[in-house]
């Protein structure tokens, strides 16, 4: 006699666990997807960045005048020649002083603009766009505007016109190195072009500061204004400030477009890149000395950047600050 009950007859058989079917094609191959997305960028990086850097370093040890495939190895002679050139060494000193001035000035201006825009309660997007808009202008176009319209050496220039209203004589802004009024032209141009970009970086950092910090400070009796800025806002902007200063330092030593278009054939106020450009691309076409100067400038930028990053604690964890 069967002992099977009705419950046993009606209970369904347990379903078999369905096995997930492996994905096929591009959607299931993460490694292939990675190389498809990053491969073109890496190829371009190698061809247009790493290969030229290595080639420039190789050329700096050869007599590479009028050729990029030299065979005459001369060791460190190109470096000795470049370092013994008073124009190049004087330019390095001048632009170290220039960087010491333009970097904190741009940092303060961009931070001030970010604080003003951040406090606005109306038309914030409009003013953010207005201050950022000069960043989209090319250095060449802005240099020509500064040179031919604003700081033109004749009385029709905007700056000389305004000075004429107050009885001040015309100023040759770019034609005379004594006094060096050309630095005013260059500094105002760089401030106008760069401040908006770094303002956006500071504005993004300001928006990430928790409002609870300011509320707790108000409860503790901190006065809004300088106290909250010094003890809350500025420490919270430490990482952004470090990044901005490092970027400004590199940009100061790499200045080329505005100087080349503003100064023309003038021999004063020439940045290192303009001197190297004239050495490597000019009449001499000495790619060996030009490459040696580029290596020296790169090493100087790295040293100054690492020194500045160490002072500001770039890369250190919160526990070590």
C-alpha atoms as a PDB file:
ATOM      1  CA  UNK A   1       0.000   0.000   0.000  1.00  0.00           C
ATOM      2  CA  UNK A   2       1.379   3.394  -1.013  1.00  0.00           C
ATOM      3  CA  UNK A   3       2.226   5.779   1.793  1.00  0.00           C
ATOM      4  CA  UNK A   4       2.218   8.842  -0.479  1.00  0.00           C
ATOM      5  CA  UNK A   5      -0.195  11.462   0.810  1.00  0.00           C
ATOM      6  CA  UNK A   6      -2.198  13.958  -1.192  1.00  0.00           C
ATOM      7  CA  UNK A   7       0.091  16.773   0.016  1.00  0.00           C
ATOM      8  CA  UNK A   8       3.076  14.973  -1.499  1.00  0.00           C
ATOM      9  CA  UNK A   9       1.241  14.604  -4.802  1.00  0.00           C
ATOM     10  CA  UNK A  10       0.290  18.280  -5.045  1.00  0.00           C
ATOM     11  CA  UNK A  11       3.566  19.868  -3.852  1.00  0.00           C
ATOM     12  CA  UNK A  12       5.606  21.204  -6.774  1.00  0.00           C
ATOM     13  CA  UNK A  13       9.074  20.016  -7.418  1.00  0.00           C
ATOM     14  CA  UNK A  14      11.799  22.438  -6.233  1.00  0.00           C
ATOM     15  CA  UNK A  15      12.920  24.747  -8.994  1.00  0.00           C
ATOM     16  CA  UNK A  16      16.478  24.459 -10.129  1.00  0.00           C
ATOM     17  CA  UNK A  17      18.679  27.447  -9.467  1.00  0.00           C
ATOM     18  CA  UNK A  18      19.093  29.296 -12.711  1.00  0.00           C
ATOM     19  CA  UNK A  19      22.666  29.944 -13.583  1.00  0.00           C
ATOM     20  CA  UNK A  20      23.535  33.433 -14.790  1.00  0.00           C
ATOM     21  CA  UNK A  21      24.530  33.349 -18.391  1.00  0.00           C
ATOM     22  CA  UNK A  22      27.899  34.963 -18.983  1.00  0.00           C
ATOM     23  CA  UNK A  23      27.759  38.169 -20.953  1.00  0.00           C
ATOM     24  CA  UNK A  24      29.271  38.022 -24.344  1.00  0.00           C
ATOM     25  CA  UNK A  25      30.653  40.702 -26.562  1.00  0.00           C
ATOM     26  CA  UNK A  26      31.911  44.135 -25.549  1.00  0.00           C
ATOM     27  CA  UNK A  27      29.525  44.518 -22.581  1.00  0.00           C
ATOM     28  CA  UNK A  28      31.033  41.551 -20.804  1.00  0.00           C
ATOM     29  CA  UNK A  29      34.717  42.257 -21.436  1.00  0.00           C
ATOM     30  CA  UNK A  30      35.806  44.926 -18.963  1.00  0.00           C
ATOM     31  CA  UNK A  31      39.457  44.795 -20.008  1.00  0.00           C
ATOM     32  CA  UNK A  32      38.622  45.332 -23.660  1.00  0.00           C
ATOM     33  CA  UNK A  33      36.328  48.240 -22.782  1.00  0.00           C
ATOM     34  CA  UNK A  34      39.085  49.836 -20.710  1.00  0.00           C
ATOM     35  CA  UNK A  35      41.593  49.757 -23.564  1.00  0.00           C
ATOM     36  CA  UNK A  36      39.019  50.943 -26.098  1.00  0.00           C
ATOM     37  CA  UNK A  37      38.361  54.069 -24.044  1.00  0.00           C
ATOM     38  CA  UNK A  38      41.890  54.789 -22.832  1.00  0.00           C
ATOM     39  CA  UNK A  39      43.876  53.433 -25.764  1.00  0.00           C
ATOM     40  CA  UNK A  40      43.521  56.446 -28.106  1.00  0.00           C
ATOM     41  CA  UNK A  41      44.397  58.823 -25.271  1.00  0.00           C
ATOM     42  CA  UNK A  42      47.440  56.791 -24.261  1.00  0.00           C
ATOM     43  CA  UNK A  43      48.627  56.562 -27.859  1.00  0.00           C
ATOM     44  CA  UNK A  44      48.342  60.325 -28.248  1.00  0.00           C
ATOM     45  CA  UNK A  45      50.076  60.850 -24.908  1.00  0.00           C
ATOM     46  CA  UNK A  46      53.004  58.682 -25.950  1.00  0.00           C
ATOM     47  CA  UNK A  47      53.349  60.172 -29.446  1.00  0.00           C
ATOM     48  CA  UNK A  48      52.854  63.846 -28.613  1.00  0.00           C
ATOM     49  CA  UNK A  49      54.233  64.045 -25.050  1.00  0.00           C
ATOM     50  CA  UNK A  50      56.573  61.231 -24.016  1.00  0.00           C
ATOM     51  CA  UNK A  51      58.373  60.816 -27.351  1.00  0.00           C
ATOM     52  CA  UNK A  52      59.078  64.581 -27.738  1.00  0.00           C
ATOM     53  CA  UNK A  53      60.311  64.758 -24.128  1.00  0.00           C
ATOM     54  CA  UNK A  54      62.669  61.837 -24.660  1.00  0.00           C
ATOM     55  CA  UNK A  55      63.802  63.180 -28.017  1.00  0.00           C
ATOM     56  CA  UNK A  56      64.487  66.629 -26.537  1.00  0.00           C
ATOM     57  CA  UNK A  57      66.537  65.068 -23.747  1.00  0.00           C
ATOM     58  CA  UNK A  58      68.498  63.069 -26.332  1.00  0.00           C
ATOM     59  CA  UNK A  59      69.104  66.137 -28.541  1.00  0.00           C
ATOM     60  CA  UNK A  60      70.480  68.115 -25.599  1.00  0.00           C
ATOM     61  CA  UNK A  61      73.619  65.935 -25.597  1.00  0.00           C
ATOM     62  CA  UNK A  62      74.378  66.370 -29.326  1.00  0.00           C
ATOM     63  CA  UNK A  63      75.458  69.093 -31.704  1.00  0.00           C
ATOM     64  CA  UNK A  64      72.023  69.376 -33.318  1.00  0.00           C
ATOM     65  CA  UNK A  65      72.310  72.558 -35.354  1.00  0.00           C
ATOM     66  CA  UNK A  66      70.018  72.487 -38.422  1.00  0.00           C
ATOM     67  CA  UNK A  67      69.165  68.834 -37.797  1.00  0.00           C
ATOM     68  CA  UNK A  68      67.023  66.719 -35.471  1.00  0.00           C
ATOM     69  CA  UNK A  69      68.964  63.538 -36.168  1.00  0.00           C
ATOM     70  CA  UNK A  70      72.485  64.481 -35.021  1.00  0.00           C
ATOM     71  CA  UNK A  71      75.452  62.153 -34.708  1.00  0.00           C
ATOM     72  CA  UNK A  72      78.068  64.336 -32.996  1.00  0.00           C
ATOM     73  CA  UNK A  73      77.875  63.641 -29.259  1.00  0.00           C
ATOM     74  CA  UNK A  74      79.145  66.585 -27.180  1.00  0.00           C
ATOM     75  CA  UNK A  75      77.998  65.654 -23.665  1.00  0.00           C
ATOM     76  CA  UNK A  76      77.060  68.573 -21.411  1.00  0.00           C
ATOM     77  CA  UNK A  77      78.481  71.304 -23.659  1.00  0.00           C
ATOM     78  CA  UNK A  78      75.002  72.537 -24.585  1.00  0.00           C
ATOM     79  CA  UNK A  79      74.098  72.880 -20.913  1.00  0.00           C
ATOM     80  CA  UNK A  80      77.306  74.827 -20.231  1.00  0.00           C
ATOM     81  CA  UNK A  81      76.605  77.158 -23.140  1.00  0.00           C
ATOM     82  CA  UNK A  82      73.019  77.821 -22.079  1.00  0.00           C
ATOM     83  CA  UNK A  83      73.916  78.421 -18.425  1.00  0.00           C
ATOM     84  CA  UNK A  84      76.715  80.787 -19.451  1.00  0.00           C
ATOM     85  CA  UNK A  85      74.309  82.871 -21.541  1.00  0.00           C
ATOM     86  CA  UNK A  86      73.481  86.016 -19.498  1.00  0.00           C
ATOM     87  CA  UNK A  87      70.205  86.501 -21.365  1.00  0.00           C
ATOM     88  CA  UNK A  88      68.893  83.086 -20.353  1.00  0.00           C
ATOM     89  CA  UNK A  89      70.085  83.157 -16.737  1.00  0.00           C
ATOM     90  CA  UNK A  90      68.881  86.740 -16.334  1.00  0.00           C
ATOM     91  CA  UNK A  91      65.507  85.712 -17.729  1.00  0.00           C
ATOM     92  CA  UNK A  92      65.262  82.885 -15.187  1.00  0.00           C
ATOM     93  CA  UNK A  93      65.944  85.311 -12.334  1.00  0.00           C
ATOM     94  CA  UNK A  94      63.511  87.886 -13.718  1.00  0.00           C
ATOM     95  CA  UNK A  95      60.723  85.394 -14.101  1.00  0.00           C
ATOM     96  CA  UNK A  96      61.316  83.941 -10.682  1.00  0.00           C
ATOM     97  CA  UNK A  97      60.595  87.436  -9.350  1.00  0.00           C
ATOM     98  CA  UNK A  98      57.670  87.704 -11.774  1.00  0.00           C
ATOM     99  CA  UNK A  99      56.254  84.399 -10.497  1.00  0.00           C
ATOM    100  CA  UNK A 100      56.681  85.564  -6.893  1.00  0.00           C
ATOM    101  CA  UNK A 101      54.469  88.561  -7.722  1.00  0.00           C
ATOM    102  CA  UNK A 102      51.904  87.237 -10.191  1.00  0.00           C
ATOM    103  CA  UNK A 103      51.125  84.022  -8.299  1.00  0.00           C
ATOM    104  CA  UNK A 104      49.894  85.556  -4.999  1.00  0.00           C
ATOM    105  CA  UNK A 105      48.191  88.398  -6.883  1.00  0.00           C
ATOM    106  CA  UNK A 106      46.187  86.025  -9.092  1.00  0.00           C
ATOM    107  CA  UNK A 107      45.442  83.799  -6.093  1.00  0.00           C
ATOM    108  CA  UNK A 108      44.078  86.705  -4.055  1.00  0.00           C
ATOM    109  CA  UNK A 109      42.042  88.140  -6.943  1.00  0.00           C
ATOM    110  CA  UNK A 110      40.480  84.813  -7.919  1.00  0.00           C
ATOM    111  CA  UNK A 111      39.672  83.976  -4.291  1.00  0.00           C
ATOM    112  CA  UNK A 112      38.131  87.415  -3.787  1.00  0.00           C
ATOM    113  CA  UNK A 113      35.965  87.024  -6.878  1.00  0.00           C
ATOM    114  CA  UNK A 114      34.881  83.560  -5.741  1.00  0.00           C
ATOM    115  CA  UNK A 115      33.880  84.896  -2.320  1.00  0.00           C
ATOM    116  CA  UNK A 116      31.882  87.723  -3.879  1.00  0.00           C
ATOM    117  CA  UNK A 117      30.059  85.454  -6.334  1.00  0.00           C
ATOM    118  CA  UNK A 118      29.435  82.862  -3.611  1.00  0.00           C
ATOM    119  CA  UNK A 119      27.705  85.451  -1.416  1.00  0.00           C
ATOM    120  CA  UNK A 120      25.392  86.686  -4.169  1.00  0.00           C
ATOM    121  CA  UNK A 121      21.718  85.867  -3.769  1.00  0.00           C
ATOM    122  CA  UNK A 122      20.688  86.927  -7.269  1.00  0.00           C
ATOM    123  CA  UNK A 123      22.207  86.676 -10.774  1.00  0.00           C
ATOM    124  CA  UNK A 124      24.952  84.387  -9.497  1.00  0.00           C
ATOM    125  CA  UNK A 125      25.137  82.449 -12.756  1.00  0.00           C
ATOM    126  CA  UNK A 126      25.407  85.703 -14.721  1.00  0.00           C
ATOM    127  CA  UNK A 127      28.361  87.068 -12.768  1.00  0.00           C
ATOM    128  CA  UNK A 128      30.034  83.660 -12.714  1.00  0.00           C
ATOM    129  CA  UNK A 129      29.836  83.560 -16.511  1.00  0.00           C
ATOM    130  CA  UNK A 130      31.030  87.162 -16.869  1.00  0.00           C
ATOM    131  CA  UNK A 131      34.137  86.579 -14.763  1.00  0.00           C
ATOM    132  CA  UNK A 132      34.858  83.247 -16.448  1.00  0.00           C
ATOM    133  CA  UNK A 133      34.341  84.506 -20.009  1.00  0.00           C
ATOM    134  CA  UNK A 134      37.898  85.941 -20.489  1.00  0.00           C
ATOM    135  CA  UNK A 135      39.254  82.424 -20.057  1.00  0.00           C
ATOM    136  CA  UNK A 136      37.772  81.531 -23.448  1.00  0.00           C
ATOM    137  CA  UNK A 137      39.752  84.308 -25.136  1.00  0.00           C
ATOM    138  CA  UNK A 138      43.041  83.327 -26.737  1.00  0.00           C
ATOM    139  CA  UNK A 139      46.253  84.843 -25.422  1.00  0.00           C
ATOM    140  CA  UNK A 140      47.143  86.110 -28.891  1.00  0.00           C
ATOM    141  CA  UNK A 141      43.852  87.980 -29.382  1.00  0.00           C
ATOM    142  CA  UNK A 142      43.963  89.424 -25.865  1.00  0.00           C
ATOM    143  CA  UNK A 143      47.584  90.508 -26.353  1.00  0.00           C
ATOM    144  CA  UNK A 144      46.688  92.390 -29.530  1.00  0.00           C
ATOM    145  CA  UNK A 145      43.765  94.102 -27.789  1.00  0.00           C
ATOM    146  CA  UNK A 146      46.002  95.181 -24.908  1.00  0.00           C
ATOM    147  CA  UNK A 147      48.754  96.325 -27.267  1.00  0.00           C
ATOM    148  CA  UNK A 148      46.759  98.141 -29.944  1.00  0.00           C
ATOM    149  CA  UNK A 149      43.701  99.416 -28.073  1.00  0.00           C
ATOM    150  CA  UNK A 150      44.257  99.766 -24.344  1.00  0.00           C
ATOM    151  CA  UNK A 151      47.990 100.350 -23.872  1.00  0.00           C
ATOM    152  CA  UNK A 152      48.810 101.847 -27.223  1.00  0.00           C
ATOM    153  CA  UNK A 153      51.792 104.162 -26.954  1.00  0.00           C
ATOM    154  CA  UNK A 154      50.093 107.024 -28.807  1.00  0.00           C
ATOM    155  CA  UNK A 155      47.422 109.366 -27.488  1.00  0.00           C
ATOM    156  CA  UNK A 156      44.632 107.324 -29.058  1.00  0.00           C
ATOM    157  CA  UNK A 157      45.190 104.431 -26.661  1.00  0.00           C
ATOM    158  CA  UNK A 158      42.617 104.019 -23.900  1.00  0.00           C
ATOM    159  CA  UNK A 159      45.138 104.243 -21.060  1.00  0.00           C
ATOM    160  CA  UNK A 160      46.816 107.374 -22.442  1.00  0.00           C
ATOM    161  CA  UNK A 161      43.422 108.939 -23.131  1.00  0.00           C
ATOM    162  CA  UNK A 162      42.396 108.513 -19.499  1.00  0.00           C
ATOM    163  CA  UNK A 163      45.751 109.828 -18.307  1.00  0.00           C
ATOM    164  CA  UNK A 164      45.361 112.835 -20.624  1.00  0.00           C
ATOM    165  CA  UNK A 165      42.158 113.817 -18.795  1.00  0.00           C
ATOM    166  CA  UNK A 166      44.293 114.384 -15.700  1.00  0.00           C
ATOM    167  CA  UNK A 167      47.041 116.247 -17.520  1.00  0.00           C
ATOM    168  CA  UNK A 168      49.521 113.332 -17.534  1.00  0.00           C
ATOM    169  CA  UNK A 169      51.849 113.027 -20.515  1.00  0.00           C
ATOM    170  CA  UNK A 170      51.667 110.073 -22.868  1.00  0.00           C
ATOM    171  CA  UNK A 171      53.376 106.880 -21.731  1.00  0.00           C
ATOM    172  CA  UNK A 172      55.277 104.544 -24.030  1.00  0.00           C
ATOM    173  CA  UNK A 173      53.982 101.404 -22.340  1.00  0.00           C
ATOM    174  CA  UNK A 174      55.895  98.831 -24.388  1.00  0.00           C
ATOM    175  CA  UNK A 175      58.528 100.802 -26.283  1.00  0.00           C
ATOM    176  CA  UNK A 176      60.753 101.904 -23.408  1.00  0.00           C
ATOM    177  CA  UNK A 177      62.264  99.638 -20.730  1.00  0.00           C
ATOM    178  CA  UNK A 178      62.927 102.537 -18.363  1.00  0.00           C
ATOM    179  CA  UNK A 179      60.686 102.804 -16.437  1.00  0.00           C
ATOM    180  CA  UNK A 180      59.453  99.249 -17.026  1.00  0.00           C
ATOM    181  CA  UNK A 181      55.792 100.046 -17.685  1.00  0.00           C
ATOM    182  CA  UNK A 182      55.549  96.922 -19.843  1.00  0.00           C
ATOM    183  CA  UNK A 183      55.199  94.839 -16.665  1.00  0.00           C
ATOM    184  CA  UNK A 184      51.927  96.655 -15.913  1.00  0.00           C
ATOM    185  CA  UNK A 185      50.623  95.668 -19.340  1.00  0.00           C
ATOM    186  CA  UNK A 186      51.658  92.037 -18.928  1.00  0.00           C
ATOM    187  CA  UNK A 187      50.400  91.662 -15.349  1.00  0.00           C
ATOM    188  CA  UNK A 188      46.970  93.164 -16.086  1.00  0.00           C
ATOM    189  CA  UNK A 189      46.636  90.953 -19.155  1.00  0.00           C
ATOM    190  CA  UNK A 190      47.432  87.772 -17.240  1.00  0.00           C
ATOM    191  CA  UNK A 191      45.118  88.719 -14.390  1.00  0.00           C
ATOM    192  CA  UNK A 192      42.266  89.318 -16.812  1.00  0.00           C
ATOM    193  CA  UNK A 193      42.855  86.024 -18.607  1.00  0.00           C
ATOM    194  CA  UNK A 194      43.512  83.744 -15.620  1.00  0.00           C
ATOM    195  CA  UNK A 195      41.505  85.011 -12.655  1.00  0.00           C
ATOM    196  CA  UNK A 196      38.178  83.674 -13.949  1.00  0.00           C
ATOM    197  CA  UNK A 197      39.403  80.102 -14.317  1.00  0.00           C
ATOM    198  CA  UNK A 198      40.814  79.903 -10.797  1.00  0.00           C
ATOM    199  CA  UNK A 199      37.724  81.661  -9.472  1.00  0.00           C
ATOM    200  CA  UNK A 200      35.692  78.662 -10.675  1.00  0.00           C
ATOM    201  CA  UNK A 201      37.986  76.298  -8.758  1.00  0.00           C
ATOM    202  CA  UNK A 202      37.618  78.312  -5.558  1.00  0.00           C
ATOM    203  CA  UNK A 203      33.872  78.647  -6.074  1.00  0.00           C
ATOM    204  CA  UNK A 204      33.500  74.877  -6.346  1.00  0.00           C
ATOM    205  CA  UNK A 205      35.524  74.450  -3.153  1.00  0.00           C
ATOM    206  CA  UNK A 206      33.435  77.058  -1.306  1.00  0.00           C
ATOM    207  CA  UNK A 207      30.236  75.249  -2.226  1.00  0.00           C
ATOM    208  CA  UNK A 208      31.626  72.038  -0.695  1.00  0.00           C
ATOM    209  CA  UNK A 209      32.253  73.578   2.740  1.00  0.00           C
ATOM    210  CA  UNK A 210      29.565  72.229   5.138  1.00  0.00           C
ATOM    211  CA  UNK A 211      27.243  74.931   6.425  1.00  0.00           C
ATOM    212  CA  UNK A 212      27.292  73.219   9.837  1.00  0.00           C
ATOM    213  CA  UNK A 213      30.788  74.589  10.399  1.00  0.00           C
ATOM    214  CA  UNK A 214      29.572  78.168  10.145  1.00  0.00           C
ATOM    215  CA  UNK A 215      26.547  77.404  12.318  1.00  0.00           C
ATOM    216  CA  UNK A 216      28.752  75.899  15.017  1.00  0.00           C
ATOM    217  CA  UNK A 217      31.090  78.879  14.814  1.00  0.00           C
ATOM    218  CA  UNK A 218      28.169  81.272  15.237  1.00  0.00           C
ATOM    219  CA  UNK A 219      27.006  79.375  18.316  1.00  0.00           C
ATOM    220  CA  UNK A 220      30.533  79.612  19.753  1.00  0.00           C
ATOM    221  CA  UNK A 221      30.471  83.364  19.295  1.00  0.00           C
ATOM    222  CA  UNK A 222      32.586  83.734  16.141  1.00  0.00           C
ATOM    223  CA  UNK A 223      31.856  86.938  14.290  1.00  0.00           C
ATOM    224  CA  UNK A 224      30.957  86.673  10.613  1.00  0.00           C
ATOM    225  CA  UNK A 225      33.612  88.113   8.382  1.00  0.00           C
ATOM    226  CA  UNK A 226      37.315  87.917   9.095  1.00  0.00           C
ATOM    227  CA  UNK A 227      37.091  85.384  11.943  1.00  0.00           C
ATOM    228  CA  UNK A 228      35.022  82.862  10.011  1.00  0.00           C
ATOM    229  CA  UNK A 229      37.152  83.393   6.916  1.00  0.00           C
ATOM    230  CA  UNK A 230      40.433  82.895   8.775  1.00  0.00           C
ATOM    231  CA  UNK A 231      39.479  79.933  10.956  1.00  0.00           C
ATOM    232  CA  UNK A 232      36.914  78.130   8.773  1.00  0.00           C
ATOM    233  CA  UNK A 233      36.901  79.170   5.118  1.00  0.00           C
ATOM    234  CA  UNK A 234      40.636  79.465   4.506  1.00  0.00           C
ATOM    235  CA  UNK A 235      41.600  76.148   6.177  1.00  0.00           C
ATOM    236  CA  UNK A 236      38.878  74.373   4.194  1.00  0.00           C
ATOM    237  CA  UNK A 237      40.359  75.804   0.994  1.00  0.00           C
ATOM    238  CA  UNK A 238      43.839  74.493   1.721  1.00  0.00           C
ATOM    239  CA  UNK A 239      43.857  71.752  -0.916  1.00  0.00           C
ATOM    240  CA  UNK A 240      42.361  74.003  -3.597  1.00  0.00           C
ATOM    241  CA  UNK A 241      44.765  76.822  -2.739  1.00  0.00           C
ATOM    242  CA  UNK A 242      47.727  74.469  -3.048  1.00  0.00           C
ATOM    243  CA  UNK A 243      46.573  73.230  -6.455  1.00  0.00           C
ATOM    244  CA  UNK A 244      45.925  76.779  -7.689  1.00  0.00           C
ATOM    245  CA  UNK A 245      49.343  78.019  -6.577  1.00  0.00           C
ATOM    246  CA  UNK A 246      51.121  75.080  -8.206  1.00  0.00           C
ATOM    247  CA  UNK A 247      49.267  75.662 -11.472  1.00  0.00           C
ATOM    248  CA  UNK A 248      50.063  79.376 -11.360  1.00  0.00           C
ATOM    249  CA  UNK A 249      53.756  78.690 -10.750  1.00  0.00           C
ATOM    250  CA  UNK A 250      54.000  76.390 -13.750  1.00  0.00           C
ATOM    251  CA  UNK A 251      52.051  78.852 -15.923  1.00  0.00           C
ATOM    252  CA  UNK A 252      54.302  81.755 -14.882  1.00  0.00           C
ATOM    253  CA  UNK A 253      57.471  79.983 -16.032  1.00  0.00           C
ATOM    254  CA  UNK A 254      55.782  78.786 -19.218  1.00  0.00           C
ATOM    255  CA  UNK A 255      54.634  82.271 -20.281  1.00  0.00           C
ATOM    256  CA  UNK A 256      55.122  82.726 -24.017  1.00  0.00           C
ATOM    257  CA  UNK A 257      52.164  83.931 -26.110  1.00  0.00           C
ATOM    258  CA  UNK A 258      51.520  87.277 -24.454  1.00  0.00           C
ATOM    259  CA  UNK A 259      55.218  88.175 -24.246  1.00  0.00           C
ATOM    260  CA  UNK A 260      55.889  87.151 -27.823  1.00  0.00           C
ATOM    261  CA  UNK A 261      52.977  89.224 -29.147  1.00  0.00           C
ATOM    262  CA  UNK A 262      53.336  92.200 -26.812  1.00  0.00           C
ATOM    263  CA  UNK A 263      57.092  92.688 -26.815  1.00  0.00           C
ATOM    264  CA  UNK A 264      57.806  91.763 -30.435  1.00  0.00           C
ATOM    265  CA  UNK A 265      61.508  92.165 -31.160  1.00  0.00           C
ATOM    266  CA  UNK A 266      62.289  93.937 -27.885  1.00  0.00           C
ATOM    267  CA  UNK A 267      65.246  92.496 -26.003  1.00  0.00           C
ATOM    268  CA  UNK A 268      63.980  93.316 -22.493  1.00  0.00           C
ATOM    269  CA  UNK A 269      61.455  91.383 -20.466  1.00  0.00           C
ATOM    270  CA  UNK A 270      61.878  88.213 -22.508  1.00  0.00           C
ATOM    271  CA  UNK A 271      60.701  84.993 -20.811  1.00  0.00           C
ATOM    272  CA  UNK A 272      62.850  81.844 -20.967  1.00  0.00           C
ATOM    273  CA  UNK A 273      60.580  80.196 -23.530  1.00  0.00           C
ATOM    274  CA  UNK A 274      60.940  83.106 -25.949  1.00  0.00           C
ATOM    275  CA  UNK A 275      64.736  82.916 -25.672  1.00  0.00           C
ATOM    276  CA  UNK A 276      64.656  79.164 -26.236  1.00  0.00           C
ATOM    277  CA  UNK A 277      62.287  79.636 -29.154  1.00  0.00           C
ATOM    278  CA  UNK A 278      64.678  82.084 -30.803  1.00  0.00           C
ATOM    279  CA  UNK A 279      67.577  79.707 -30.153  1.00  0.00           C
ATOM    280  CA  UNK A 280      65.926  76.570 -31.523  1.00  0.00           C
ATOM    281  CA  UNK A 281      63.563  77.983 -34.167  1.00  0.00           C
ATOM    282  CA  UNK A 282      65.294  81.266 -35.028  1.00  0.00           C
ATOM    283  CA  UNK A 283      68.228  81.907 -37.329  1.00  0.00           C
ATOM    284  CA  UNK A 284      70.615  79.522 -35.543  1.00  0.00           C
ATOM    285  CA  UNK A 285      68.186  76.603 -35.371  1.00  0.00           C
ATOM    286  CA  UNK A 286      70.302  75.019 -32.667  1.00  0.00           C
ATOM    287  CA  UNK A 287      68.003  72.279 -31.434  1.00  0.00           C
ATOM    288  CA  UNK A 288      70.661  70.964 -29.065  1.00  0.00           C
ATOM    289  CA  UNK A 289      70.978  74.197 -27.076  1.00  0.00           C
ATOM    290  CA  UNK A 290      67.237  74.750 -27.235  1.00  0.00           C
ATOM    291  CA  UNK A 291      66.608  71.283 -25.837  1.00  0.00           C
ATOM    292  CA  UNK A 292      69.206  71.784 -23.107  1.00  0.00           C
ATOM    293  CA  UNK A 293      67.525  75.037 -22.076  1.00  0.00           C
ATOM    294  CA  UNK A 294      64.134  73.302 -22.053  1.00  0.00           C
ATOM    295  CA  UNK A 295      65.503  70.570 -19.761  1.00  0.00           C
ATOM    296  CA  UNK A 296      66.966  73.190 -17.401  1.00  0.00           C
ATOM    297  CA  UNK A 297      63.668  75.092 -17.320  1.00  0.00           C
ATOM    298  CA  UNK A 298      61.754  71.865 -16.658  1.00  0.00           C
ATOM    299  CA  UNK A 299      64.044  70.959 -13.760  1.00  0.00           C
ATOM    300  CA  UNK A 300      63.640  74.472 -12.312  1.00  0.00           C
ATOM    301  CA  UNK A 301      59.844  74.227 -12.526  1.00  0.00           C
ATOM    302  CA  UNK A 302      59.919  70.801 -10.841  1.00  0.00           C
ATOM    303  CA  UNK A 303      62.157  72.055  -8.020  1.00  0.00           C
ATOM    304  CA  UNK A 304      60.051  75.155  -7.364  1.00  0.00           C
ATOM    305  CA  UNK A 305      56.832  73.127  -7.572  1.00  0.00           C
ATOM    306  CA  UNK A 306      58.064  70.461  -5.154  1.00  0.00           C
ATOM    307  CA  UNK A 307      59.346  73.104  -2.763  1.00  0.00           C
ATOM    308  CA  UNK A 308      56.043  74.967  -2.839  1.00  0.00           C
ATOM    309  CA  UNK A 309      54.085  71.737  -2.434  1.00  0.00           C
ATOM    310  CA  UNK A 310      56.192  70.758   0.581  1.00  0.00           C
ATOM    311  CA  UNK A 311      55.605  74.142   2.224  1.00  0.00           C
ATOM    312  CA  UNK A 312      51.839  73.920   1.762  1.00  0.00           C
ATOM    313  CA  UNK A 313      51.638  70.243   2.713  1.00  0.00           C
ATOM    314  CA  UNK A 314      50.492  68.987  -0.663  1.00  0.00           C
ATOM    315  CA  UNK A 315      49.862  65.218  -0.551  1.00  0.00           C
ATOM    316  CA  UNK A 316      49.909  64.875   3.220  1.00  0.00           C
ATOM    317  CA  UNK A 317      47.004  63.277   5.022  1.00  0.00           C
ATOM    318  CA  UNK A 318      44.771  65.104   7.445  1.00  0.00           C
ATOM    319  CA  UNK A 319      46.350  63.381  10.404  1.00  0.00           C
ATOM    320  CA  UNK A 320      49.799  64.809   9.594  1.00  0.00           C
ATOM    321  CA  UNK A 321      48.654  68.404   9.128  1.00  0.00           C
END
